[in-house]
């Protein structure tokens, strides 16, 4: 019974400490506002990644915009979405273990969606 009381006291202490830490974290609202502004002036890339040999979707491929933090993993249907992509010319890179990496240059227009269909070649060996 004494061990149970000690465990409860430790648990309550830990919860209180976590509450104090979360109270000290600044409000993320100003950063969210910046993202909303960026979203208004940016485009979106949607697409599907397929196996060149079989034509089947590739799940868990890593898709990113080079030089940006935008990245996504493909779902079970090989589909991905990259939001808030800066306008202008950028390079989309796709990687997946067992496949050759792909880099494709694309043009992003303000408030427009770009659809890509990319086929990846399996690595031999």
C-alpha atoms as a PDB file:
ATOM      1  CA  UNK A   1       0.000   0.000   0.000  1.00  0.00           C
ATOM      2  CA  UNK A   2       2.901   2.334   0.834  1.00  0.00           C
ATOM      3  CA  UNK A   3       4.421   1.680  -2.625  1.00  0.00           C
ATOM      4  CA  UNK A   4       1.099   2.601  -4.259  1.00  0.00           C
ATOM      5  CA  UNK A   5       0.993   5.935  -2.374  1.00  0.00           C
ATOM      6  CA  UNK A   6       4.564   6.734  -3.426  1.00  0.00           C
ATOM      7  CA  UNK A   7       3.707   5.920  -7.055  1.00  0.00           C
ATOM      8  CA  UNK A   8       0.659   8.180  -6.944  1.00  0.00           C
ATOM      9  CA  UNK A   9       2.673  11.040  -5.417  1.00  0.00           C
ATOM     10  CA  UNK A  10       5.343  10.660  -8.112  1.00  0.00           C
ATOM     11  CA  UNK A  11       2.689  10.608 -10.845  1.00  0.00           C
ATOM     12  CA  UNK A  12       0.989  13.758  -9.500  1.00  0.00           C
ATOM     13  CA  UNK A  13       4.365  15.497  -9.229  1.00  0.00           C
ATOM     14  CA  UNK A  14       5.225  14.595 -12.830  1.00  0.00           C
ATOM     15  CA  UNK A  15       1.849  15.851 -14.110  1.00  0.00           C
ATOM     16  CA  UNK A  16       2.254  19.144 -12.252  1.00  0.00           C
ATOM     17  CA  UNK A  17       5.777  19.586 -13.636  1.00  0.00           C
ATOM     18  CA  UNK A  18       4.522  18.961 -17.180  1.00  0.00           C
ATOM     19  CA  UNK A  19       1.722  21.490 -16.705  1.00  0.00           C
ATOM     20  CA  UNK A  20       4.264  24.129 -15.647  1.00  0.00           C
ATOM     21  CA  UNK A  21       6.445  23.414 -18.690  1.00  0.00           C
ATOM     22  CA  UNK A  22       3.508  23.615 -21.112  1.00  0.00           C
ATOM     23  CA  UNK A  23       2.402  26.900 -19.511  1.00  0.00           C
ATOM     24  CA  UNK A  24       5.868  28.334 -20.195  1.00  0.00           C
ATOM     25  CA  UNK A  25       5.706  27.484 -23.933  1.00  0.00           C
ATOM     26  CA  UNK A  26       4.774  30.576 -25.980  1.00  0.00           C
ATOM     27  CA  UNK A  27       1.476  30.711 -27.823  1.00  0.00           C
ATOM     28  CA  UNK A  28       1.938  29.440 -31.410  1.00  0.00           C
ATOM     29  CA  UNK A  29      -0.679  31.807 -32.852  1.00  0.00           C
ATOM     30  CA  UNK A  30       1.788  34.304 -34.377  1.00  0.00           C
ATOM     31  CA  UNK A  31       3.555  31.469 -36.233  1.00  0.00           C
ATOM     32  CA  UNK A  32       0.200  30.102 -37.445  1.00  0.00           C
ATOM     33  CA  UNK A  33      -0.655  33.517 -38.856  1.00  0.00           C
ATOM     34  CA  UNK A  34       2.612  33.501 -40.826  1.00  0.00           C
ATOM     35  CA  UNK A  35       1.756  30.081 -42.257  1.00  0.00           C
ATOM     36  CA  UNK A  36      -1.696  31.301 -43.325  1.00  0.00           C
ATOM     37  CA  UNK A  37      -0.132  34.231 -45.154  1.00  0.00           C
ATOM     38  CA  UNK A  38       2.342  31.903 -46.864  1.00  0.00           C
ATOM     39  CA  UNK A  39      -0.483  29.557 -47.847  1.00  0.00           C
ATOM     40  CA  UNK A  40      -2.309  32.405 -49.613  1.00  0.00           C
ATOM     41  CA  UNK A  41       0.764  33.166 -51.735  1.00  0.00           C
ATOM     42  CA  UNK A  42       1.810  29.587 -52.436  1.00  0.00           C
ATOM     43  CA  UNK A  43       0.794  26.609 -54.518  1.00  0.00           C
ATOM     44  CA  UNK A  44       0.158  22.952 -53.843  1.00  0.00           C
ATOM     45  CA  UNK A  45       1.628  19.814 -55.394  1.00  0.00           C
ATOM     46  CA  UNK A  46      -0.420  16.640 -55.454  1.00  0.00           C
ATOM     47  CA  UNK A  47       0.525  13.460 -57.181  1.00  0.00           C
ATOM     48  CA  UNK A  48       1.092   9.760 -57.349  1.00  0.00           C
ATOM     49  CA  UNK A  49       4.308   7.736 -57.375  1.00  0.00           C
ATOM     50  CA  UNK A  50       4.278   4.528 -59.419  1.00  0.00           C
ATOM     51  CA  UNK A  51       6.659   1.654 -60.091  1.00  0.00           C
ATOM     52  CA  UNK A  52       7.912   2.033 -63.669  1.00  0.00           C
ATOM     53  CA  UNK A  53       8.047  -1.747 -64.205  1.00  0.00           C
ATOM     54  CA  UNK A  54       4.685  -2.789 -62.745  1.00  0.00           C
ATOM     55  CA  UNK A  55       2.663   0.441 -62.814  1.00  0.00           C
ATOM     56  CA  UNK A  56       1.665  -0.215 -59.191  1.00  0.00           C
ATOM     57  CA  UNK A  57       1.624   2.573 -56.587  1.00  0.00           C
ATOM     58  CA  UNK A  58       4.672   2.925 -54.352  1.00  0.00           C
ATOM     59  CA  UNK A  59       3.810   3.296 -50.670  1.00  0.00           C
ATOM     60  CA  UNK A  60       6.053   5.198 -48.215  1.00  0.00           C
ATOM     61  CA  UNK A  61       8.115   7.019 -50.830  1.00  0.00           C
ATOM     62  CA  UNK A  62       9.595  10.269 -49.486  1.00  0.00           C
ATOM     63  CA  UNK A  63       8.619  13.325 -51.559  1.00  0.00           C
ATOM     64  CA  UNK A  64      10.109  16.751 -50.851  1.00  0.00           C
ATOM     65  CA  UNK A  65      10.737  20.158 -52.363  1.00  0.00           C
ATOM     66  CA  UNK A  66      14.511  20.674 -52.443  1.00  0.00           C
ATOM     67  CA  UNK A  67      15.620  23.600 -50.302  1.00  0.00           C
ATOM     68  CA  UNK A  68      12.341  23.702 -48.334  1.00  0.00           C
ATOM     69  CA  UNK A  69      10.921  21.920 -45.335  1.00  0.00           C
ATOM     70  CA  UNK A  70       7.957  20.667 -47.372  1.00  0.00           C
ATOM     71  CA  UNK A  71       7.895  16.887 -47.384  1.00  0.00           C
ATOM     72  CA  UNK A  72       5.411  14.034 -47.440  1.00  0.00           C
ATOM     73  CA  UNK A  73       5.262  10.251 -47.542  1.00  0.00           C
ATOM     74  CA  UNK A  74       3.090   8.499 -50.102  1.00  0.00           C
ATOM     75  CA  UNK A  75       0.081   6.577 -48.838  1.00  0.00           C
ATOM     76  CA  UNK A  76      -0.974   3.017 -49.766  1.00  0.00           C
ATOM     77  CA  UNK A  77      -2.231   4.331 -53.143  1.00  0.00           C
ATOM     78  CA  UNK A  78       1.104   6.062 -53.839  1.00  0.00           C
ATOM     79  CA  UNK A  79      -0.491   9.492 -53.417  1.00  0.00           C
ATOM     80  CA  UNK A  80       1.026  12.551 -51.722  1.00  0.00           C
ATOM     81  CA  UNK A  81       0.288  16.231 -51.116  1.00  0.00           C
ATOM     82  CA  UNK A  82       2.742  19.069 -50.530  1.00  0.00           C
ATOM     83  CA  UNK A  83       1.063  22.253 -49.295  1.00  0.00           C
ATOM     84  CA  UNK A  84       2.396  25.827 -49.107  1.00  0.00           C
ATOM     85  CA  UNK A  85       4.968  25.335 -51.848  1.00  0.00           C
ATOM     86  CA  UNK A  86       6.656  28.658 -52.716  1.00  0.00           C
ATOM     87  CA  UNK A  87       5.789  30.020 -56.150  1.00  0.00           C
ATOM     88  CA  UNK A  88       8.338  29.844 -58.934  1.00  0.00           C
ATOM     89  CA  UNK A  89      10.594  27.073 -60.146  1.00  0.00           C
ATOM     90  CA  UNK A  90      11.474  24.337 -57.679  1.00  0.00           C
ATOM     91  CA  UNK A  91      12.751  20.775 -57.695  1.00  0.00           C
ATOM     92  CA  UNK A  92      10.658  17.897 -56.389  1.00  0.00           C
ATOM     93  CA  UNK A  93      12.734  14.965 -55.153  1.00  0.00           C
ATOM     94  CA  UNK A  94      11.354  11.448 -54.636  1.00  0.00           C
ATOM     95  CA  UNK A  95      13.273   8.721 -52.837  1.00  0.00           C
ATOM     96  CA  UNK A  96      12.456   5.172 -51.777  1.00  0.00           C
ATOM     97  CA  UNK A  97      14.757   2.336 -50.757  1.00  0.00           C
ATOM     98  CA  UNK A  98      15.123  -0.092 -53.658  1.00  0.00           C
ATOM     99  CA  UNK A  99      14.374   2.594 -56.286  1.00  0.00           C
ATOM    100  CA  UNK A 100      16.438   5.199 -58.124  1.00  0.00           C
ATOM    101  CA  UNK A 101      15.915   8.725 -56.773  1.00  0.00           C
ATOM    102  CA  UNK A 102      13.999  11.114 -59.029  1.00  0.00           C
ATOM    103  CA  UNK A 103      14.421  14.893 -59.219  1.00  0.00           C
ATOM    104  CA  UNK A 104      11.894  16.772 -61.324  1.00  0.00           C
ATOM    105  CA  UNK A 105      11.879  20.522 -61.920  1.00  0.00           C
ATOM    106  CA  UNK A 106       8.397  22.064 -61.749  1.00  0.00           C
ATOM    107  CA  UNK A 107       6.815  25.506 -61.976  1.00  0.00           C
ATOM    108  CA  UNK A 108       4.558  26.483 -59.050  1.00  0.00           C
ATOM    109  CA  UNK A 109       1.925  29.165 -59.573  1.00  0.00           C
ATOM    110  CA  UNK A 110       0.225  31.157 -56.837  1.00  0.00           C
ATOM    111  CA  UNK A 111      -2.966  29.476 -55.552  1.00  0.00           C
ATOM    112  CA  UNK A 112      -2.734  26.689 -58.141  1.00  0.00           C
ATOM    113  CA  UNK A 113      -2.584  22.923 -57.736  1.00  0.00           C
ATOM    114  CA  UNK A 114       0.015  21.009 -59.707  1.00  0.00           C
ATOM    115  CA  UNK A 115      -0.598  17.298 -60.320  1.00  0.00           C
ATOM    116  CA  UNK A 116       2.393  15.013 -60.873  1.00  0.00           C
ATOM    117  CA  UNK A 117       2.564  11.368 -61.893  1.00  0.00           C
ATOM    118  CA  UNK A 118       6.097  10.076 -61.343  1.00  0.00           C
ATOM    119  CA  UNK A 119       7.374   6.610 -62.225  1.00  0.00           C
ATOM    120  CA  UNK A 120      10.351   5.223 -60.316  1.00  0.00           C
ATOM    121  CA  UNK A 121      12.792   2.631 -61.620  1.00  0.00           C
ATOM    122  CA  UNK A 122      13.715  -0.273 -59.379  1.00  0.00           C
ATOM    123  CA  UNK A 123      17.397  -0.608 -58.503  1.00  0.00           C
ATOM    124  CA  UNK A 124      18.938  -3.783 -59.931  1.00  0.00           C
ATOM    125  CA  UNK A 125      21.234  -5.750 -57.742  1.00  0.00           C
END
